[in-house]
Amino acid sequence: MSYRYGRDWNIRLLQPIAEIDKQEAERCFETSPQLSVSRLRADRAVPDYTLVMGAGGNHVRVRVYDDNGSIVESFDWGQVSESDKLFLMNYKVWVYAEDSSGPRTFSQSAAHKAWVFRQDGTATCRETIKGMPEVKITHYRDLDTSGHWRERPVWGDWDRFGEHPEPDPPTGLPGPG
């Protein structure tokens, strides 16, 4: 496995935008307004994931790709002013036509779902299916968002977010019964 660094990942060119080496990326990690890290396996041109981060990891966007290079999931972890931890604020998922080949963009998706989570246990989910005249919007309350908190990443701590971008399971819930 290798990591490639830049400002973001270009899904069409299969390379980082404004690519930099590891040493430069490490210098940029604390101060750069945006740094991306993409993890690639030796047998694949498409990354497993790309992290797009703010300075010092104060915001982490995790993008997960399918085999064609299309973004299929995105998780946004952001620093909350009264805490040094990150909170999972947004989650998005895209579905593409089964006969898709090559990377597809958001506008080429057949459907997508976007969640907005709030610290007070409320959330909004917006579901869109192409060709359907209405968008479904659902509001939730009393959600357990205790698993939505994470420590900010430190340099090299990429897989903790990239391999497991979803929130941790809530604690204190009874086991299956």
N, C-alpha and C. Protein backbone atom coordinates (compact mmCIF):
# COMPACT_ATOMS: atom_id res chain seq x y z
N MET A 1 0.83 -1.17 0.00
CA MET A 1 0.00 0.00 0.00
C MET A 1 0.88 1.24 0.00
N SER A 2 0.38 2.26 -0.67
CA SER A 2 1.11 3.52 -0.67
C SER A 2 0.12 4.66 -0.47
N TYR A 3 0.65 5.79 -0.06
CA TYR A 3 -0.16 6.99 0.15
C TYR A 3 0.36 8.07 -0.79
N ARG A 4 -0.58 8.79 -1.41
CA ARG A 4 -0.22 9.91 -2.28
C ARG A 4 -0.88 11.16 -1.73
N TYR A 5 -0.16 12.27 -1.81
CA TYR A 5 -0.56 13.51 -1.16
C TYR A 5 -0.76 14.63 -2.17
N GLY A 6 -1.66 15.54 -1.85
CA GLY A 6 -1.93 16.70 -2.70
C GLY A 6 -3.02 17.55 -2.09
N ARG A 7 -3.79 18.23 -2.95
CA ARG A 7 -4.93 19.03 -2.48
C ARG A 7 -6.23 18.24 -2.49
N ASP A 8 -6.33 17.27 -3.41
CA ASP A 8 -7.53 16.44 -3.54
C ASP A 8 -7.17 15.33 -4.53
N TRP A 9 -8.12 14.44 -4.82
CA TRP A 9 -7.90 13.37 -5.78
C TRP A 9 -8.69 13.66 -7.05
N ASN A 10 -8.03 13.57 -8.21
CA ASN A 10 -8.69 13.76 -9.49
C ASN A 10 -9.17 12.40 -9.98
N ILE A 11 -10.49 12.19 -9.99
CA ILE A 11 -11.03 10.87 -10.35
C ILE A 11 -10.84 10.54 -11.82
N ARG A 12 -10.73 11.54 -12.67
CA ARG A 12 -10.54 11.30 -14.11
C ARG A 12 -9.08 10.96 -14.44
N LEU A 13 -8.14 11.70 -13.84
CA LEU A 13 -6.73 11.48 -14.13
C LEU A 13 -6.08 10.43 -13.22
N LEU A 14 -6.81 9.99 -12.20
CA LEU A 14 -6.31 8.99 -11.25
C LEU A 14 -4.99 9.42 -10.61
N GLN A 15 -4.99 10.64 -10.11
CA GLN A 15 -3.81 11.16 -9.44
C GLN A 15 -4.20 12.33 -8.54
N PRO A 16 -3.35 12.64 -7.56
CA PRO A 16 -3.65 13.79 -6.71
C PRO A 16 -3.59 15.10 -7.50
N ILE A 17 -4.39 16.05 -7.09
CA ILE A 17 -4.32 17.41 -7.63
C ILE A 17 -3.18 18.11 -6.90
N ALA A 18 -2.27 18.73 -7.64
CA ALA A 18 -1.11 19.42 -7.06
C ALA A 18 -0.34 18.48 -6.14
N GLU A 19 0.06 17.32 -6.68
CA GLU A 19 0.73 16.29 -5.88
C GLU A 19 2.01 16.81 -5.24
N ILE A 20 2.23 16.40 -3.98
CA ILE A 20 3.45 16.73 -3.25
C ILE A 20 3.99 15.44 -2.63
N ASP A 21 5.27 15.46 -2.25
CA ASP A 21 5.85 14.26 -1.64
C ASP A 21 5.52 14.20 -0.15
N LYS A 22 5.86 13.08 0.47
CA LYS A 22 5.52 12.84 1.87
C LYS A 22 6.13 13.90 2.79
N GLN A 23 7.36 14.29 2.54
CA GLN A 23 8.02 15.27 3.40
C GLN A 23 7.30 16.62 3.34
N GLU A 24 6.93 17.04 2.14
CA GLU A 24 6.20 18.31 2.00
C GLU A 24 4.81 18.20 2.62
N ALA A 25 4.16 17.05 2.45
CA ALA A 25 2.83 16.84 3.04
C ALA A 25 2.90 16.92 4.56
N GLU A 26 3.94 16.35 5.14
CA GLU A 26 4.08 16.39 6.60
C GLU A 26 4.25 17.83 7.08
N ARG A 27 4.99 18.64 6.34
CA ARG A 27 5.14 20.05 6.68
C ARG A 27 3.80 20.79 6.55
N CYS A 28 3.04 20.44 5.52
CA CYS A 28 1.75 21.10 5.27
C CYS A 28 0.65 20.68 6.23
N PHE A 29 0.79 19.52 6.85
CA PHE A 29 -0.28 18.96 7.68
C PHE A 29 -0.76 19.93 8.75
N GLU A 30 0.13 20.62 9.41
CA GLU A 30 -0.27 21.51 10.50
C GLU A 30 -0.77 22.87 10.03
N THR A 31 -0.34 23.33 8.86
CA THR A 31 -0.63 24.71 8.49
C THR A 31 -1.43 24.89 7.21
N SER A 32 -1.42 23.91 6.34
CA SER A 32 -2.08 24.05 5.04
C SER A 32 -3.59 24.09 5.20
N PRO A 33 -4.26 24.95 4.45
CA PRO A 33 -5.73 24.99 4.54
C PRO A 33 -6.38 23.72 3.99
N GLN A 34 -5.65 22.96 3.14
CA GLN A 34 -6.21 21.72 2.62
C GLN A 34 -5.09 20.79 2.20
N LEU A 35 -5.17 19.57 2.68
CA LEU A 35 -4.22 18.51 2.33
C LEU A 35 -5.02 17.24 2.11
N SER A 36 -4.68 16.50 1.06
CA SER A 36 -5.37 15.23 0.85
C SER A 36 -4.36 14.09 0.94
N VAL A 37 -4.87 12.95 1.39
CA VAL A 37 -4.10 11.72 1.48
C VAL A 37 -4.96 10.64 0.84
N SER A 38 -4.42 9.98 -0.18
CA SER A 38 -5.15 8.90 -0.86
C SER A 38 -4.37 7.61 -0.69
N ARG A 39 -5.05 6.56 -0.22
CA ARG A 39 -4.39 5.27 -0.05
C ARG A 39 -4.66 4.38 -1.25
N LEU A 40 -3.57 3.88 -1.84
CA LEU A 40 -3.68 3.00 -3.01
C LEU A 40 -3.01 1.67 -2.73
N ARG A 41 -3.65 0.62 -3.21
CA ARG A 41 -3.03 -0.72 -3.19
C ARG A 41 -2.22 -0.87 -4.47
N ALA A 42 -1.21 -1.69 -4.43
CA ALA A 42 -0.32 -1.87 -5.58
C ALA A 42 -1.06 -2.37 -6.82
N ASP A 43 -2.14 -3.13 -6.65
CA ASP A 43 -2.85 -3.73 -7.78
C ASP A 43 -4.02 -2.89 -8.27
N ARG A 44 -4.10 -1.64 -7.84
CA ARG A 44 -5.28 -0.84 -8.15
C ARG A 44 -4.91 0.61 -8.42
N ALA A 45 -5.51 1.22 -9.45
CA ALA A 45 -5.26 2.63 -9.78
C ALA A 45 -6.19 3.56 -9.02
N VAL A 46 -7.29 3.02 -8.52
CA VAL A 46 -8.29 3.79 -7.78
C VAL A 46 -7.98 3.69 -6.29
N PRO A 47 -7.99 4.80 -5.57
CA PRO A 47 -7.72 4.72 -4.13
C PRO A 47 -8.81 3.96 -3.38
N ASP A 48 -8.43 3.39 -2.25
CA ASP A 48 -9.43 2.83 -1.33
C ASP A 48 -10.23 3.98 -0.75
N TYR A 49 -9.50 5.05 -0.41
CA TYR A 49 -10.13 6.24 0.16
C TYR A 49 -9.22 7.44 -0.05
N THR A 50 -9.81 8.61 0.09
CA THR A 50 -9.08 9.87 0.14
C THR A 50 -9.57 10.64 1.35
N LEU A 51 -8.63 11.15 2.13
CA LEU A 51 -8.95 12.06 3.22
C LEU A 51 -8.60 13.46 2.75
N VAL A 52 -9.51 14.39 2.87
CA VAL A 52 -9.24 15.79 2.58
C VAL A 52 -9.36 16.51 3.92
N MET A 53 -8.25 17.09 4.37
CA MET A 53 -8.19 17.62 5.74
C MET A 53 -7.86 19.09 5.77
N GLY A 54 -8.36 19.74 6.82
CA GLY A 54 -7.98 21.11 7.14
C GLY A 54 -6.72 21.09 8.00
N ALA A 55 -6.23 22.25 8.34
CA ALA A 55 -4.98 22.39 9.10
C ALA A 55 -5.05 21.59 10.40
N GLY A 56 -4.02 20.76 10.61
CA GLY A 56 -3.94 19.98 11.84
C GLY A 56 -5.05 18.98 12.01
N GLY A 57 -5.75 18.64 10.95
CA GLY A 57 -6.85 17.68 11.04
C GLY A 57 -8.08 18.24 11.73
N ASN A 58 -8.30 19.58 11.63
CA ASN A 58 -9.47 20.17 12.26
C ASN A 58 -10.77 19.87 11.50
N HIS A 59 -10.65 19.35 10.32
CA HIS A 59 -11.78 18.86 9.53
C HIS A 59 -11.24 17.69 8.71
N VAL A 60 -12.00 16.61 8.63
CA VAL A 60 -11.60 15.46 7.81
C VAL A 60 -12.80 15.03 6.99
N ARG A 61 -12.65 15.07 5.68
CA ARG A 61 -13.66 14.52 4.77
C ARG A 61 -13.08 13.21 4.24
N VAL A 62 -13.84 12.14 4.40
CA VAL A 62 -13.42 10.82 3.94
C VAL A 62 -14.25 10.49 2.72
N ARG A 63 -13.57 10.20 1.61
CA ARG A 63 -14.27 9.76 0.40
C ARG A 63 -13.89 8.31 0.12
N VAL A 64 -14.90 7.49 -0.10
CA VAL A 64 -14.71 6.07 -0.39
C VAL A 64 -15.13 5.85 -1.84
N TYR A 65 -14.35 5.04 -2.58
CA TYR A 65 -14.56 4.85 -4.01
C TYR A 65 -14.99 3.42 -4.34
N ASP A 66 -15.71 3.28 -5.45
CA ASP A 66 -15.99 1.94 -5.97
C ASP A 66 -14.86 1.54 -6.93
N ASP A 67 -14.97 0.38 -7.53
CA ASP A 67 -13.91 -0.11 -8.42
C ASP A 67 -13.73 0.75 -9.67
N ASN A 68 -14.77 1.49 -10.06
CA ASN A 68 -14.68 2.37 -11.23
C ASN A 68 -14.03 3.71 -10.91
N GLY A 69 -13.86 4.01 -9.62
CA GLY A 69 -13.29 5.29 -9.23
C GLY A 69 -14.32 6.34 -8.88
N SER A 70 -15.60 5.95 -8.84
CA SER A 70 -16.66 6.88 -8.45
C SER A 70 -16.73 6.97 -6.94
N ILE A 71 -17.00 8.16 -6.43
CA ILE A 71 -17.18 8.33 -4.99
C ILE A 71 -18.54 7.74 -4.63
N VAL A 72 -18.55 6.80 -3.69
CA VAL A 72 -19.80 6.16 -3.28
C VAL A 72 -20.23 6.55 -1.88
N GLU A 73 -19.28 7.03 -1.07
CA GLU A 73 -19.60 7.50 0.28
C GLU A 73 -18.70 8.67 0.63
N SER A 74 -19.24 9.56 1.46
CA SER A 74 -18.46 10.69 1.96
C SER A 74 -18.88 10.95 3.40
N PHE A 75 -17.89 11.11 4.27
CA PHE A 75 -18.10 11.38 5.69
C PHE A 75 -17.38 12.67 6.03
N ASP A 76 -18.06 13.61 6.67
CA ASP A 76 -17.45 14.87 7.08
C ASP A 76 -17.38 14.94 8.60
N TRP A 77 -16.14 14.96 9.09
CA TRP A 77 -15.86 15.11 10.52
C TRP A 77 -15.33 16.51 10.73
N GLY A 78 -15.95 17.30 11.60
CA GLY A 78 -15.52 18.67 11.83
C GLY A 78 -15.30 18.97 13.30
N GLN A 79 -14.36 19.87 13.55
CA GLN A 79 -14.09 20.28 14.92
C GLN A 79 -15.20 21.19 15.41
N VAL A 80 -15.63 20.94 16.61
CA VAL A 80 -16.66 21.74 17.24
C VAL A 80 -15.95 22.72 18.17
N SER A 81 -16.38 23.97 18.16
CA SER A 81 -15.66 25.04 18.85
C SER A 81 -15.37 24.76 20.32
N GLU A 82 -16.26 24.15 21.02
CA GLU A 82 -16.04 23.91 22.44
C GLU A 82 -15.30 22.60 22.73
N SER A 83 -14.81 21.93 21.72
CA SER A 83 -14.10 20.67 21.91
C SER A 83 -12.93 20.58 20.94
N ASP A 84 -11.93 19.83 21.31
CA ASP A 84 -10.81 19.58 20.40
C ASP A 84 -11.08 18.34 19.55
N LYS A 85 -12.18 17.65 19.84
CA LYS A 85 -12.53 16.44 19.09
C LYS A 85 -13.30 16.81 17.82
N LEU A 86 -13.42 15.82 16.94
CA LEU A 86 -14.19 15.97 15.72
C LEU A 86 -15.54 15.29 15.89
N PHE A 87 -16.55 15.86 15.25
CA PHE A 87 -17.91 15.32 15.28
C PHE A 87 -18.33 14.98 13.86
N LEU A 88 -18.92 13.81 13.66
CA LEU A 88 -19.43 13.43 12.33
C LEU A 88 -20.68 14.26 12.06
N MET A 89 -20.53 15.21 11.13
CA MET A 89 -21.62 16.15 10.83
C MET A 89 -22.44 15.74 9.62
N ASN A 90 -21.78 15.15 8.62
CA ASN A 90 -22.46 14.82 7.37
C ASN A 90 -22.05 13.44 6.89
N TYR A 91 -23.00 12.75 6.29
CA TYR A 91 -22.74 11.47 5.63
C TYR A 91 -23.53 11.47 4.33
N LYS A 92 -22.87 11.10 3.24
CA LYS A 92 -23.54 11.04 1.93
C LYS A 92 -23.22 9.70 1.27
N VAL A 93 -24.18 9.20 0.52
CA VAL A 93 -23.99 7.98 -0.25
C VAL A 93 -24.60 8.18 -1.64
N TRP A 94 -23.90 7.68 -2.67
CA TRP A 94 -24.35 7.78 -4.06
C TRP A 94 -24.51 6.40 -4.65
N VAL A 95 -25.51 6.26 -5.52
CA VAL A 95 -25.75 5.02 -6.25
C VAL A 95 -25.68 5.36 -7.74
N TYR A 96 -24.99 4.51 -8.50
CA TYR A 96 -24.83 4.73 -9.94
C TYR A 96 -25.47 3.57 -10.69
N ALA A 97 -25.76 3.79 -11.96
CA ALA A 97 -26.34 2.73 -12.79
C ALA A 97 -25.41 1.52 -12.80
N GLU A 98 -26.00 0.33 -12.83
CA GLU A 98 -25.20 -0.90 -12.78
C GLU A 98 -24.29 -1.06 -13.98
N ASP A 99 -24.66 -0.47 -15.11
CA ASP A 99 -23.83 -0.62 -16.31
C ASP A 99 -22.78 0.49 -16.42
N SER A 100 -22.53 1.19 -15.34
CA SER A 100 -21.54 2.27 -15.34
C SER A 100 -20.15 1.71 -15.56
N SER A 101 -19.37 2.45 -16.31
CA SER A 101 -17.95 2.12 -16.44
C SER A 101 -17.17 3.43 -16.33
N GLY A 102 -16.03 3.36 -15.71
CA GLY A 102 -15.26 4.56 -15.47
C GLY A 102 -15.86 5.36 -14.34
N PRO A 103 -15.14 6.34 -13.85
CA PRO A 103 -15.64 7.12 -12.73
C PRO A 103 -16.85 7.98 -13.09
N ARG A 104 -17.81 8.01 -12.21
CA ARG A 104 -19.01 8.82 -12.38
C ARG A 104 -18.98 9.96 -11.35
N THR A 105 -19.63 11.05 -11.69
CA THR A 105 -19.70 12.20 -10.80
C THR A 105 -21.07 12.25 -10.13
N PHE A 106 -21.19 13.16 -9.17
CA PHE A 106 -22.44 13.34 -8.45
C PHE A 106 -23.62 13.50 -9.41
N SER A 107 -23.45 14.32 -10.45
CA SER A 107 -24.56 14.58 -11.38
C SER A 107 -24.94 13.34 -12.20
N GLN A 108 -24.06 12.35 -12.25
CA GLN A 108 -24.34 11.11 -12.99
C GLN A 108 -24.91 10.01 -12.10
N SER A 109 -25.13 10.31 -10.83
CA SER A 109 -25.65 9.29 -9.93
C SER A 109 -27.13 9.05 -10.22
N ALA A 110 -27.57 7.82 -9.96
CA ALA A 110 -28.99 7.48 -10.13
C ALA A 110 -29.79 7.90 -8.90
N ALA A 111 -29.12 7.92 -7.75
CA ALA A 111 -29.76 8.31 -6.50
C ALA A 111 -28.68 8.70 -5.51
N HIS A 112 -29.07 9.51 -4.55
CA HIS A 112 -28.15 9.83 -3.46
C HIS A 112 -28.94 10.15 -2.19
N LYS A 113 -28.26 9.96 -1.09
CA LYS A 113 -28.86 10.21 0.22
C LYS A 113 -27.84 11.02 1.01
N ALA A 114 -28.30 12.07 1.68
CA ALA A 114 -27.41 12.93 2.46
C ALA A 114 -27.99 13.13 3.86
N TRP A 115 -27.16 12.84 4.86
CA TRP A 115 -27.54 13.03 6.26
C TRP A 115 -26.79 14.22 6.83
N VAL A 116 -27.46 15.01 7.65
CA VAL A 116 -26.83 16.07 8.44
C VAL A 116 -27.13 15.74 9.90
N PHE A 117 -26.05 15.55 10.68
CA PHE A 117 -26.19 15.22 12.10
C PHE A 117 -25.84 16.43 12.95
N ARG A 118 -26.56 16.58 14.06
CA ARG A 118 -26.29 17.67 14.99
C ARG A 118 -26.00 17.09 16.36
N GLN A 119 -25.22 17.82 17.14
CA GLN A 119 -24.82 17.35 18.46
C GLN A 119 -26.00 17.16 19.41
N ASP A 120 -27.09 17.84 19.15
CA ASP A 120 -28.26 17.74 20.05
C ASP A 120 -29.09 16.47 19.81
N GLY A 121 -28.60 15.57 18.94
CA GLY A 121 -29.31 14.32 18.68
C GLY A 121 -30.36 14.42 17.60
N THR A 122 -30.33 15.51 16.83
CA THR A 122 -31.26 15.63 15.71
C THR A 122 -30.50 15.41 14.40
N ALA A 123 -31.23 15.03 13.38
CA ALA A 123 -30.63 14.81 12.06
C ALA A 123 -31.69 15.03 10.99
N THR A 124 -31.21 15.32 9.80
CA THR A 124 -32.07 15.46 8.63
C THR A 124 -31.49 14.55 7.55
N CYS A 125 -32.35 13.83 6.88
CA CYS A 125 -31.94 12.97 5.77
C CYS A 125 -32.69 13.39 4.52
N ARG A 126 -31.94 13.59 3.45
CA ARG A 126 -32.52 13.99 2.16
C ARG A 126 -32.22 12.89 1.15
N GLU A 127 -33.28 12.30 0.56
CA GLU A 127 -33.14 11.22 -0.41
C GLU A 127 -33.64 11.68 -1.77
N THR A 128 -32.80 11.49 -2.77
CA THR A 128 -33.14 11.91 -4.12
C THR A 128 -32.94 10.74 -5.08
N ILE A 129 -33.94 10.51 -5.93
CA ILE A 129 -33.84 9.50 -6.99
C ILE A 129 -34.09 10.21 -8.30
N LYS A 130 -33.14 10.07 -9.23
CA LYS A 130 -33.30 10.73 -10.53
C LYS A 130 -34.58 10.28 -11.20
N GLY A 131 -35.26 11.23 -11.79
CA GLY A 131 -36.51 10.93 -12.49
C GLY A 131 -37.73 11.01 -11.60
N MET A 132 -37.53 11.07 -10.30
CA MET A 132 -38.66 11.20 -9.38
C MET A 132 -38.88 12.69 -9.11
N PRO A 133 -40.11 13.15 -9.15
CA PRO A 133 -40.37 14.58 -9.02
C PRO A 133 -40.12 15.15 -7.61
N GLU A 134 -40.18 14.31 -6.61
CA GLU A 134 -40.06 14.81 -5.25
C GLU A 134 -38.82 14.26 -4.55
N VAL A 135 -38.30 15.07 -3.67
CA VAL A 135 -37.21 14.68 -2.81
C VAL A 135 -37.81 14.32 -1.46
N LYS A 136 -37.36 13.23 -0.87
CA LYS A 136 -37.87 12.84 0.44
C LYS A 136 -36.95 13.42 1.52
N ILE A 137 -37.53 14.18 2.44
CA ILE A 137 -36.77 14.75 3.55
C ILE A 137 -37.38 14.22 4.85
N THR A 138 -36.51 13.62 5.66
CA THR A 138 -36.95 13.05 6.93
C THR A 138 -36.16 13.70 8.06
N HIS A 139 -36.86 14.05 9.12
CA HIS A 139 -36.24 14.67 10.30
C HIS A 139 -36.25 13.65 11.43
N TYR A 140 -35.13 13.56 12.14
CA TYR A 140 -34.99 12.64 13.26
C TYR A 140 -34.63 13.42 14.52
N ARG A 141 -35.02 12.88 15.66
CA ARG A 141 -34.63 13.48 16.93
C ARG A 141 -34.36 12.36 17.93
N ASP A 142 -33.74 12.72 19.02
CA ASP A 142 -33.40 11.77 20.08
C ASP A 142 -32.46 10.66 19.60
N LEU A 143 -31.57 10.98 18.67
CA LEU A 143 -30.58 10.01 18.22
C LEU A 143 -29.40 9.98 19.19
N ASP A 144 -28.82 8.82 19.37
CA ASP A 144 -27.62 8.70 20.19
C ASP A 144 -26.43 9.00 19.29
N THR A 145 -25.85 10.18 19.45
CA THR A 145 -24.71 10.58 18.63
C THR A 145 -23.40 10.46 19.42
N SER A 146 -23.39 9.70 20.50
CA SER A 146 -22.17 9.56 21.30
C SER A 146 -21.04 8.92 20.49
N GLY A 147 -21.35 8.08 19.54
CA GLY A 147 -20.33 7.46 18.69
C GLY A 147 -19.85 8.34 17.56
N HIS A 148 -20.39 9.56 17.45
CA HIS A 148 -20.02 10.48 16.38
C HIS A 148 -18.79 11.32 16.72
N TRP A 149 -18.14 11.06 17.85
CA TRP A 149 -16.98 11.85 18.28
C TRP A 149 -15.69 11.06 18.08
N ARG A 150 -14.65 11.74 17.60
CA ARG A 150 -13.32 11.13 17.43
C ARG A 150 -12.24 12.14 17.76
N GLU A 151 -11.12 11.61 18.20
CA GLU A 151 -9.94 12.45 18.37
C GLU A 151 -9.48 12.90 16.99
N ARG A 152 -8.93 14.10 16.90
CA ARG A 152 -8.36 14.59 15.64
C ARG A 152 -7.21 13.67 15.23
N PRO A 153 -7.00 13.54 13.92
CA PRO A 153 -5.88 12.70 13.49
C PRO A 153 -4.55 13.38 13.78
N VAL A 154 -3.54 12.57 13.98
CA VAL A 154 -2.16 13.05 14.02
C VAL A 154 -1.52 12.59 12.71
N TRP A 155 -0.34 13.12 12.40
CA TRP A 155 0.32 12.75 11.15
C TRP A 155 0.42 11.23 11.04
N GLY A 156 -0.01 10.68 9.91
CA GLY A 156 0.08 9.26 9.62
C GLY A 156 -1.10 8.44 10.12
N ASP A 157 -2.04 9.04 10.79
CA ASP A 157 -3.19 8.37 11.40
C ASP A 157 -4.34 8.26 10.39
N TRP A 158 -4.02 7.88 9.17
CA TRP A 158 -5.00 7.95 8.08
C TRP A 158 -6.01 6.81 8.13
N ASP A 159 -5.55 5.60 8.39
CA ASP A 159 -6.44 4.44 8.29
C ASP A 159 -7.55 4.45 9.34
N ARG A 160 -7.32 5.09 10.47
CA ARG A 160 -8.39 5.16 11.50
C ARG A 160 -9.63 5.83 10.92
N PHE A 161 -9.45 6.82 10.07
CA PHE A 161 -10.58 7.47 9.42
C PHE A 161 -10.93 6.77 8.10
N GLY A 162 -9.93 6.43 7.30
CA GLY A 162 -10.18 5.88 5.97
C GLY A 162 -10.77 4.49 5.96
N GLU A 163 -10.29 3.61 6.86
CA GLU A 163 -10.81 2.25 6.90
C GLU A 163 -12.12 2.15 7.67
N HIS A 164 -12.32 3.05 8.60
CA HIS A 164 -13.52 3.02 9.45
C HIS A 164 -14.11 4.42 9.57
N PRO A 165 -14.63 4.96 8.46
CA PRO A 165 -15.13 6.33 8.51
C PRO A 165 -16.47 6.48 9.21
N GLU A 166 -17.20 5.39 9.37
CA GLU A 166 -18.52 5.47 9.98
C GLU A 166 -18.38 5.71 11.48
N PRO A 167 -19.43 6.24 12.12
CA PRO A 167 -19.35 6.48 13.56
C PRO A 167 -19.22 5.17 14.33
N ASP A 168 -18.64 5.28 15.50
CA ASP A 168 -18.54 4.11 16.38
C ASP A 168 -19.93 3.76 16.88
N PRO A 169 -20.18 2.48 17.15
CA PRO A 169 -21.51 2.11 17.70
C PRO A 169 -21.73 2.81 19.03
N PRO A 170 -22.95 3.22 19.31
CA PRO A 170 -23.23 3.87 20.60
C PRO A 170 -22.89 2.93 21.74
N THR A 171 -22.45 3.51 22.85
CA THR A 171 -22.12 2.71 24.02
C THR A 171 -23.33 2.58 24.93
N GLY A 172 -23.31 1.56 25.76
CA GLY A 172 -24.36 1.40 26.77
C GLY A 172 -25.65 0.81 26.27
N LEU A 173 -25.67 0.31 25.04
CA LEU A 173 -26.90 -0.30 24.53
C LEU A 173 -26.89 -1.79 24.87
N PRO A 174 -28.04 -2.36 25.16
CA PRO A 174 -28.08 -3.79 25.46
C PRO A 174 -27.68 -4.60 24.24
N GLY A 175 -27.06 -5.72 24.48
CA GLY A 175 -26.65 -6.61 23.39
C GLY A 175 -27.84 -7.33 22.80
N PRO A 176 -27.61 -8.06 21.67
CA PRO A 176 -28.72 -8.80 21.06
C PRO A 176 -29.26 -9.84 22.03
N GLY A 177 -30.53 -10.00 21.96
CA GLY A 177 -31.09 -10.80 22.96
C GLY A 177 -31.75 -11.99 22.84
